[in-house]
Structures are given as C-alpha cells and as structure tokens.
C-alpha cells in the first residue's frame, strides 16, 4: 500500500512539473499571431522613448516632441500634456 502511495505521489509530481509548461506552450501557439504583432510594434515604441522608468511608469516622448508641427507632428506642448 505504501508503494502505491509513493507511485501516486510521483505521478502527481510529474504531472505538476509538466502542466505549467504545457499550458504556456498552448497559449503561445493559440495567440502566436497576436504575440508576433505585439513584438513587431516594440521597436517603434522604443524609438520614440528617450527615458523609461518601469516601476514608476515614467516615459518621455522626446522624438515626438522634437517633430515639427508643420509636418503634422506633435508639438512640445502636446507632448508635455500627454505625459
């Protein structure tokens, strides 16, 4: 009886070790198009940011503020208001 209990415990531990990676892999496969689109947009986001603070959620939009208003860009006042 003790051997059966150890076997059940070992099977449960094995399933527990396999379950989380399997769930993660399934989610990646199901949402691969959305994840690929989000990853493609990341370089554009980093090009616009001059300073970023993760914990305090602080970011300066330096490149957008430097754009000339006559080209349809964002003025410095608009960038400060957005920040």
PDB file of N, CA and C in Angstrom:
ATOM      1  N   UNK A   1       0.811  -1.189   0.000  1.00  0.00           N
ATOM      2  CA  UNK A   1       0.000   0.000   0.000  1.00  0.00           C
ATOM      3  C   UNK A   1       0.860   1.261   0.000  1.00  0.00           C
ATOM      4  N   UNK A   2       1.975   1.208   0.705  1.00  0.00           N
ATOM      5  CA  UNK A   2       2.870   2.349   0.757  1.00  0.00           C
ATOM      6  C   UNK A   2       3.509   2.601  -0.611  1.00  0.00           C
ATOM      7  N   UNK A   3       3.779   1.546  -1.345  1.00  0.00           N
ATOM      8  CA  UNK A   3       4.369   1.682  -2.680  1.00  0.00           C
ATOM      9  C   UNK A   3       3.385   2.362  -3.630  1.00  0.00           C
ATOM     10  N   UNK A   4       2.101   2.047  -3.485  1.00  0.00           N
ATOM     11  CA  UNK A   4       1.072   2.670  -4.327  1.00  0.00           C
ATOM     12  C   UNK A   4       0.957   4.161  -4.018  1.00  0.00           C
ATOM     13  N   UNK A   5       1.059   4.519  -2.762  1.00  0.00           N
ATOM     14  CA  UNK A   5       1.004   5.926  -2.371  1.00  0.00           C
ATOM     15  C   UNK A   5       2.200   6.693  -2.934  1.00  0.00           C
ATOM     16  N   UNK A   6       3.379   6.072  -2.901  1.00  0.00           N
ATOM     17  CA  UNK A   6       4.569   6.718  -3.467  1.00  0.00           C
ATOM     18  C   UNK A   6       4.439   6.865  -4.983  1.00  0.00           C
ATOM     19  N   UNK A   7       3.853   5.859  -5.630  1.00  0.00           N
ATOM     20  CA  UNK A   7       3.656   5.921  -7.078  1.00  0.00           C
ATOM     21  C   UNK A   7       2.692   7.046  -7.449  1.00  0.00           C
ATOM     22  N   UNK A   8       1.616   7.164  -6.727  1.00  0.00           N
ATOM     23  CA  UNK A   8       0.639   8.229  -6.981  1.00  0.00           C
ATOM     24  C   UNK A   8       1.273   9.598  -6.744  1.00  0.00           C
ATOM     25  N   UNK A   9       2.070   9.721  -5.698  1.00  0.00           N
ATOM     26  CA  UNK A   9       2.756  10.979  -5.411  1.00  0.00           C
ATOM     27  C   UNK A   9       3.749  11.321  -6.526  1.00  0.00           C
ATOM     28  N   UNK A  10       4.459  10.334  -7.014  1.00  0.00           N
ATOM     29  CA  UNK A  10       5.424  10.567  -8.094  1.00  0.00           C
ATOM     30  C   UNK A  10       4.711  10.980  -9.381  1.00  0.00           C
ATOM     31  N   UNK A  11       3.595  10.346  -9.689  1.00  0.00           N
ATOM     32  CA  UNK A  11       2.823  10.697 -10.892  1.00  0.00           C
ATOM     33  C   UNK A  11       2.267  12.108 -10.761  1.00  0.00           C
ATOM     34  N   UNK A  12       1.781  12.461  -9.593  1.00  0.00           N
ATOM     35  CA  UNK A  12       1.258  13.813  -9.373  1.00  0.00           C
ATOM     36  C   UNK A  12       2.360  14.858  -9.517  1.00  0.00           C
ATOM     37  N   UNK A  13       3.543  14.562  -8.999  1.00  0.00           N
ATOM     38  CA  UNK A  13       4.665  15.497  -9.123  1.00  0.00           C
ATOM     39  C   UNK A  13       5.082  15.643 -10.587  1.00  0.00           C
ATOM     40  N   UNK A  14       5.070  14.560 -11.324  1.00  0.00           N
ATOM     41  CA  UNK A  14       5.411  14.606 -12.742  1.00  0.00           C
ATOM     42  C   UNK A  14       4.391  15.428 -13.528  1.00  0.00           C
ATOM     43  N   UNK A  15       3.123  15.203 -13.255  1.00  0.00           N
ATOM     44  CA  UNK A  15       2.076  15.982 -13.928  1.00  0.00           C
ATOM     45  C   UNK A  15       2.164  17.459 -13.562  1.00  0.00           C
ATOM     46  N   UNK A  16       2.482  17.747 -12.323  1.00  0.00           N
ATOM     47  CA  UNK A  16       2.631  19.133 -11.890  1.00  0.00           C
ATOM     48  C   UNK A  16       3.802  19.820 -12.578  1.00  0.00           C
ATOM     49  N   UNK A  17       4.869  19.069 -12.808  1.00  0.00           N
ATOM     50  CA  UNK A  17       6.040  19.642 -13.475  1.00  0.00           C
ATOM     51  C   UNK A  17       5.793  19.853 -14.963  1.00  0.00           C
ATOM     52  N   UNK A  18       4.917  19.077 -15.560  1.00  0.00           N
ATOM     53  CA  UNK A  18       4.638  19.172 -16.992  1.00  0.00           C
ATOM     54  C   UNK A  18       3.491  20.135 -17.289  1.00  0.00           C
ATOM     55  N   UNK A  19       2.581  20.326 -16.349  1.00  0.00           N
ATOM     56  CA  UNK A  19       1.356  21.084 -16.613  1.00  0.00           C
ATOM     57  C   UNK A  19       1.619  22.545 -16.971  1.00  0.00           C
ATOM     58  N   UNK A  20       2.433  23.271 -16.194  1.00  0.00           N
ATOM     59  CA  UNK A  20       2.634  24.699 -16.453  1.00  0.00           C
ATOM     60  C   UNK A  20       3.337  24.962 -17.779  1.00  0.00           C
ATOM     61  N   UNK A  21       4.400  24.255 -18.108  1.00  0.00           N
ATOM     62  CA  UNK A  21       4.993  24.490 -19.432  1.00  0.00           C
ATOM     63  C   UNK A  21       4.041  24.149 -20.575  1.00  0.00           C
ATOM     64  N   UNK A  22       3.222  23.119 -20.381  1.00  0.00           N
ATOM     65  CA  UNK A  22       2.259  22.742 -21.420  1.00  0.00           C
ATOM     66  C   UNK A  22       1.193  23.815 -21.608  1.00  0.00           C
ATOM     67  N   UNK A  23       0.714  24.396 -20.519  1.00  0.00           N
ATOM     68  CA  UNK A  23      -0.261  25.489 -20.601  1.00  0.00           C
ATOM     69  C   UNK A  23       0.372  26.698 -21.278  1.00  0.00           C
ATOM     70  N   UNK A  24       1.596  27.036 -20.920  1.00  0.00           N
ATOM     71  CA  UNK A  24       2.292  28.174 -21.527  1.00  0.00           C
ATOM     72  C   UNK A  24       2.477  27.960 -23.027  1.00  0.00           C
ATOM     73  N   UNK A  25       2.923  26.779 -23.413  1.00  0.00           N
ATOM     74  CA  UNK A  25       3.121  26.466 -24.821  1.00  0.00           C
ATOM     75  C   UNK A  25       1.803  26.508 -25.593  1.00  0.00           C
ATOM     76  N   UNK A  26       0.743  26.026 -25.004  1.00  0.00           N
ATOM     77  CA  UNK A  26      -0.570  26.066 -25.647  1.00  0.00           C
ATOM     78  C   UNK A  26      -1.029  27.500 -25.866  1.00  0.00           C
ATOM     79  N   UNK A  27      -0.845  28.367 -24.877  1.00  0.00           N
ATOM     80  CA  UNK A  27      -1.231  29.770 -25.031  1.00  0.00           C
ATOM     81  C   UNK A  27      -0.393  30.473 -26.098  1.00  0.00           C
ATOM     82  N   UNK A  28       0.891  30.167 -26.157  1.00  0.00           N
ATOM     83  CA  UNK A  28       1.750  30.769 -27.180  1.00  0.00           C
ATOM     84  C   UNK A  28       1.300  30.335 -28.571  1.00  0.00           C
ATOM     85  N   UNK A  29       0.960  29.056 -28.718  1.00  0.00           N
ATOM     86  CA  UNK A  29       0.509  28.564 -30.021  1.00  0.00           C
ATOM     87  C   UNK A  29      -0.837  29.183 -30.400  1.00  0.00           C
ATOM     88  N   UNK A  30      -1.748  29.288 -29.455  1.00  0.00           N
ATOM     89  CA  UNK A  30      -3.073  29.842 -29.750  1.00  0.00           C
ATOM     90  C   UNK A  30      -3.017  31.326 -30.096  1.00  0.00           C
ATOM     91  N   UNK A  31      -2.143  32.081 -29.434  1.00  0.00           N
ATOM     92  CA  UNK A  31      -2.081  33.526 -29.627  1.00  0.00           C
ATOM     93  C   UNK A  31      -0.804  33.959 -30.353  1.00  0.00           C
ATOM     94  N   UNK A  32      -0.254  33.115 -31.215  1.00  0.00           N
ATOM     95  CA  UNK A  32       1.007  33.427 -31.879  1.00  0.00           C
ATOM     96  C   UNK A  32       0.904  34.628 -32.801  1.00  0.00           C
ATOM     97  N   UNK A  33      -0.224  34.818 -33.482  1.00  0.00           N
ATOM     98  CA  UNK A  33      -0.378  35.971 -34.380  1.00  0.00           C
ATOM     99  C   UNK A  33      -0.409  37.273 -33.586  1.00  0.00           C
ATOM    100  N   UNK A  34      -1.140  37.302 -32.492  1.00  0.00           N
ATOM    101  CA  UNK A  34      -1.210  38.494 -31.663  1.00  0.00           C
ATOM    102  C   UNK A  34       0.136  38.789 -31.011  1.00  0.00           C
ATOM    103  N   UNK A  35       0.831  37.750 -30.555  1.00  0.00           N
ATOM    104  CA  UNK A  35       2.143  37.940 -29.953  1.00  0.00           C
ATOM    105  C   UNK A  35       3.157  38.455 -30.986  1.00  0.00           C
ATOM    106  N   UNK A  36       3.091  37.926 -32.204  1.00  0.00           N
ATOM    107  CA  UNK A  36       4.001  38.381 -33.255  1.00  0.00           C
ATOM    108  C   UNK A  36       3.741  39.844 -33.597  1.00  0.00           C
ATOM    109  N   UNK A  37       2.463  40.241 -33.648  1.00  0.00           N
ATOM    110  CA  UNK A  37       2.132  41.641 -33.943  1.00  0.00           C
ATOM    111  C   UNK A  37       2.623  42.556 -32.828  1.00  0.00           C
ATOM    112  N   UNK A  38       2.476  42.137 -31.588  1.00  0.00           N
ATOM    113  CA  UNK A  38       2.933  42.957 -30.464  1.00  0.00           C
ATOM    114  C   UNK A  38       4.453  43.077 -30.463  1.00  0.00           C
ATOM    115  N   UNK A  39       5.147  42.011 -30.782  1.00  0.00           N
ATOM    116  CA  UNK A  39       6.611  42.045 -30.806  1.00  0.00           C
ATOM    117  C   UNK A  39       7.107  42.934 -31.945  1.00  0.00           C
ATOM    118  N   UNK A  40       6.392  42.938 -33.072  1.00  0.00           N
ATOM    119  CA  UNK A  40       6.788  43.803 -34.188  1.00  0.00           C
ATOM    120  C   UNK A  40       6.626  45.280 -33.847  1.00  0.00           C
ATOM    121  N   UNK A  41       5.689  45.622 -32.962  1.00  0.00           N
ATOM    122  CA  UNK A  41       5.453  47.018 -32.592  1.00  0.00           C
ATOM    123  C   UNK A  41       6.433  47.536 -31.534  1.00  0.00           C
ATOM    124  N   UNK A  42       7.138  46.665 -30.857  1.00  0.00           N
ATOM    125  CA  UNK A  42       8.049  47.087 -29.787  1.00  0.00           C
ATOM    126  C   UNK A  42       9.176  48.010 -30.258  1.00  0.00           C
ATOM    127  N   UNK A  43       9.872  47.737 -31.372  1.00  0.00           N
ATOM    128  CA  UNK A  43      10.941  48.660 -31.780  1.00  0.00           C
ATOM    129  C   UNK A  43      10.431  50.071 -32.050  1.00  0.00           C
ATOM    130  N   UNK A  44       9.246  50.217 -32.608  1.00  0.00           N
ATOM    131  CA  UNK A  44       8.681  51.540 -32.836  1.00  0.00           C
ATOM    132  C   UNK A  44       8.426  52.279 -31.538  1.00  0.00           C
ATOM    133  N   UNK A  45       8.047  51.561 -30.515  1.00  0.00           N
ATOM    134  CA  UNK A  45       7.821  52.171 -29.208  1.00  0.00           C
ATOM    135  C   UNK A  45       9.129  52.640 -28.597  1.00  0.00           C
ATOM    136  N   UNK A  46      10.162  51.828 -28.700  1.00  0.00           N
ATOM    137  CA  UNK A  46      11.443  52.192 -28.112  1.00  0.00           C
ATOM    138  C   UNK A  46      12.128  53.320 -28.878  1.00  0.00           C
ATOM    139  N   UNK A  47      11.833  53.459 -30.180  1.00  0.00           N
ATOM    140  CA  UNK A  47      12.398  54.569 -30.941  1.00  0.00           C
ATOM    141  C   UNK A  47      11.859  55.902 -30.443  1.00  0.00           C
ATOM    142  N   UNK A  48      10.626  55.918 -29.980  1.00  0.00           N
ATOM    143  CA  UNK A  48      10.010  57.168 -29.532  1.00  0.00           C
ATOM    144  C   UNK A  48      10.385  57.538 -28.111  1.00  0.00           C
ATOM    145  N   UNK A  49      10.784  56.591 -27.319  1.00  0.00           N
ATOM    146  CA  UNK A  49      11.066  56.861 -25.907  1.00  0.00           C
ATOM    147  C   UNK A  49      12.521  57.256 -25.702  1.00  0.00           C
ATOM    148  N   UNK A  50      12.718  58.308 -24.938  1.00  0.00           N
ATOM    149  CA  UNK A  50      14.071  58.694 -24.562  1.00  0.00           C
ATOM    150  C   UNK A  50      14.399  58.178 -23.165  1.00  0.00           C
ATOM    151  N   UNK A  51      13.411  58.224 -22.281  1.00  0.00           N
ATOM    152  CA  UNK A  51      13.634  57.786 -20.907  1.00  0.00           C
ATOM    153  C   UNK A  51      12.446  56.944 -20.477  1.00  0.00           C
ATOM    154  N   UNK A  52      12.713  55.854 -19.783  1.00  0.00           N
ATOM    155  CA  UNK A  52      11.634  54.970 -19.359  1.00  0.00           C
ATOM    156  C   UNK A  52      11.929  54.461 -17.952  1.00  0.00           C
ATOM    157  N   UNK A  53      10.928  54.503 -17.104  1.00  0.00           N
ATOM    158  CA  UNK A  53      11.055  54.012 -15.735  1.00  0.00           C
ATOM    159  C   UNK A  53       9.946  52.985 -15.541  1.00  0.00           C
ATOM    160  N   UNK A  54      10.299  51.741 -15.329  1.00  0.00           N
ATOM    161  CA  UNK A  54       9.321  50.665 -15.297  1.00  0.00           C
ATOM    162  C   UNK A  54       8.478  50.702 -14.033  1.00  0.00           C
ATOM    163  N   UNK A  55       9.090  50.766 -12.881  1.00  0.00           N
ATOM    164  CA  UNK A  55       8.337  50.709 -11.632  1.00  0.00           C
ATOM    165  C   UNK A  55       7.455  51.941 -11.456  1.00  0.00           C
ATOM    166  N   UNK A  56       7.967  53.112 -11.833  1.00  0.00           N
ATOM    167  CA  UNK A  56       7.212  54.345 -11.689  1.00  0.00           C
ATOM    168  C   UNK A  56       6.381  54.682 -12.907  1.00  0.00           C
ATOM    169  N   UNK A  57       6.432  53.877 -13.956  1.00  0.00           N
ATOM    170  CA  UNK A  57       5.725  54.067 -15.217  1.00  0.00           C
ATOM    171  C   UNK A  57       5.938  55.488 -15.730  1.00  0.00           C
ATOM    172  N   UNK A  58       7.165  55.876 -15.929  1.00  0.00           N
ATOM    173  CA  UNK A  58       7.509  57.199 -16.408  1.00  0.00           C
ATOM    174  C   UNK A  58       8.223  57.064 -17.748  1.00  0.00           C
ATOM    175  N   UNK A  59       7.826  57.861 -18.733  1.00  0.00           N
ATOM    176  CA  UNK A  59       8.469  57.819 -20.046  1.00  0.00           C
ATOM    177  C   UNK A  59       8.409  59.199 -20.678  1.00  0.00           C
ATOM    178  N   UNK A  60       9.468  59.595 -21.349  1.00  0.00           N
ATOM    179  CA  UNK A  60       9.495  60.870 -22.058  1.00  0.00           C
ATOM    180  C   UNK A  60       9.416  60.601 -23.553  1.00  0.00           C
ATOM    181  N   UNK A  61       8.551  61.306 -24.222  1.00  0.00           N
ATOM    182  CA  UNK A  61       8.402  61.145 -25.656  1.00  0.00           C
ATOM    183  C   UNK A  61       9.247  62.199 -26.362  1.00  0.00           C
ATOM    184  N   UNK A  62      10.544  62.019 -26.326  1.00  0.00           N
ATOM    185  CA  UNK A  62      11.483  63.003 -26.852  1.00  0.00           C
ATOM    186  C   UNK A  62      11.382  63.144 -28.369  1.00  0.00           C
ATOM    187  N   UNK A  63      11.341  62.032 -29.087  1.00  0.00           N
ATOM    188  CA  UNK A  63      11.319  62.097 -30.547  1.00  0.00           C
ATOM    189  C   UNK A  63      10.026  62.725 -31.047  1.00  0.00           C
ATOM    190  N   UNK A  64       8.914  62.453 -30.403  1.00  0.00           N
ATOM    191  CA  UNK A  64       7.645  63.051 -30.827  1.00  0.00           C
ATOM    192  C   UNK A  64       7.616  64.542 -30.534  1.00  0.00           C
ATOM    193  N   UNK A  65       8.179  64.953 -29.434  1.00  0.00           N
ATOM    194  CA  UNK A  65       8.185  66.368 -29.086  1.00  0.00           C
ATOM    195  C   UNK A  65       9.102  67.153 -30.013  1.00  0.00           C
ATOM    196  N   UNK A  66      10.120  66.525 -30.566  1.00  0.00           N
ATOM    197  CA  UNK A  66      11.061  67.211 -31.449  1.00  0.00           C
ATOM    198  C   UNK A  66      10.532  67.355 -32.869  1.00  0.00           C
ATOM    199  N   UNK A  67       9.467  66.627 -33.210  1.00  0.00           N
ATOM    200  CA  UNK A  67       8.925  66.712 -34.570  1.00  0.00           C
ATOM    201  C   UNK A  67       8.336  68.102 -34.817  1.00  0.00           C
ATOM    202  N   UNK A  68       8.486  68.585 -36.026  1.00  0.00           N
ATOM    203  CA  UNK A  68       7.973  69.910 -36.376  1.00  0.00           C
ATOM    204  C   UNK A  68       6.455  69.858 -36.543  1.00  0.00           C
ATOM    205  N   UNK A  69       5.737  70.869 -36.030  1.00  0.00           N
ATOM    206  CA  UNK A  69       4.282  70.862 -36.144  1.00  0.00           C
ATOM    207  C   UNK A  69       3.799  70.987 -37.589  1.00  0.00           C
ATOM    208  N   UNK A  70       4.585  71.593 -38.473  1.00  0.00           N
ATOM    209  CA  UNK A  70       4.142  71.761 -39.852  1.00  0.00           C
ATOM    210  C   UNK A  70       4.130  70.435 -40.612  1.00  0.00           C
ATOM    211  N   UNK A  71       4.825  69.419 -40.110  1.00  0.00           N
ATOM    212  CA  UNK A  71       4.807  68.106 -40.754  1.00  0.00           C
ATOM    213  C   UNK A  71       3.706  67.231 -40.182  1.00  0.00           C
ATOM    214  N   UNK A  72       2.838  67.791 -39.391  1.00  0.00           N
ATOM    215  CA  UNK A  72       1.765  67.015 -38.788  1.00  0.00           C
ATOM    216  C   UNK A  72       2.205  66.294 -37.535  1.00  0.00           C
ATOM    217  N   UNK A  73       3.317  66.689 -36.959  1.00  0.00           N
ATOM    218  CA  UNK A  73       3.847  66.046 -35.771  1.00  0.00           C
ATOM    219  C   UNK A  73       3.212  66.602 -34.503  1.00  0.00           C
ATOM    220  N   UNK A  74       3.770  66.234 -33.414  1.00  0.00           N
ATOM    221  CA  UNK A  74       3.274  66.637 -32.107  1.00  0.00           C
ATOM    222  C   UNK A  74       4.133  67.788 -31.607  1.00  0.00           C
ATOM    223  N   UNK A  75       3.512  68.820 -31.106  1.00  0.00           N
ATOM    224  CA  UNK A  75       4.257  69.938 -30.565  1.00  0.00           C
ATOM    225  C   UNK A  75       4.773  69.593 -29.169  1.00  0.00           C
ATOM    226  N   UNK A  76       5.696  70.374 -28.674  1.00  0.00           N
ATOM    227  CA  UNK A  76       6.256  70.149 -27.343  1.00  0.00           C
ATOM    228  C   UNK A  76       5.188  70.280 -26.272  1.00  0.00           C
ATOM    229  N   UNK A  77       4.248  71.229 -26.459  1.00  0.00           N
ATOM    230  CA  UNK A  77       3.162  71.400 -25.502  1.00  0.00           C
ATOM    231  C   UNK A  77       2.263  70.170 -25.475  1.00  0.00           C
ATOM    232  N   UNK A  78       1.993  69.607 -26.635  1.00  0.00           N
ATOM    233  CA  UNK A  78       1.159  68.406 -26.698  1.00  0.00           C
ATOM    234  C   UNK A  78       1.851  67.225 -26.024  1.00  0.00           C
ATOM    235  N   UNK A  79       3.139  67.114 -26.207  1.00  0.00           N
ATOM    236  CA  UNK A  79       3.886  66.023 -25.578  1.00  0.00           C
ATOM    237  C   UNK A  79       3.885  66.169 -24.066  1.00  0.00           C
ATOM    238  N   UNK A  80       4.048  67.407 -23.561  1.00  0.00           N
ATOM    239  CA  UNK A  80       4.002  67.626 -22.105  1.00  0.00           C
ATOM    240  C   UNK A  80       2.608  67.330 -21.566  1.00  0.00           C
ATOM    241  N   UNK A  81       1.571  67.704 -22.307  1.00  0.00           N
ATOM    242  CA  UNK A  81       0.194  67.432 -21.858  1.00  0.00           C
ATOM    243  C   UNK A  81      -0.081  65.940 -21.836  1.00  0.00           C
ATOM    244  N   UNK A  82       0.457  65.221 -22.804  1.00  0.00           N
ATOM    245  CA  UNK A  82       0.255  63.768 -22.839  1.00  0.00           C
ATOM    246  C   UNK A  82       0.997  63.079 -21.724  1.00  0.00           C
ATOM    247  N   UNK A  83       2.143  63.626 -21.339  1.00  0.00           N
ATOM    248  CA  UNK A  83       2.933  62.988 -20.277  1.00  0.00           C
ATOM    249  C   UNK A  83       2.205  63.161 -18.950  1.00  0.00           C
TER     250      UNK A  83
END
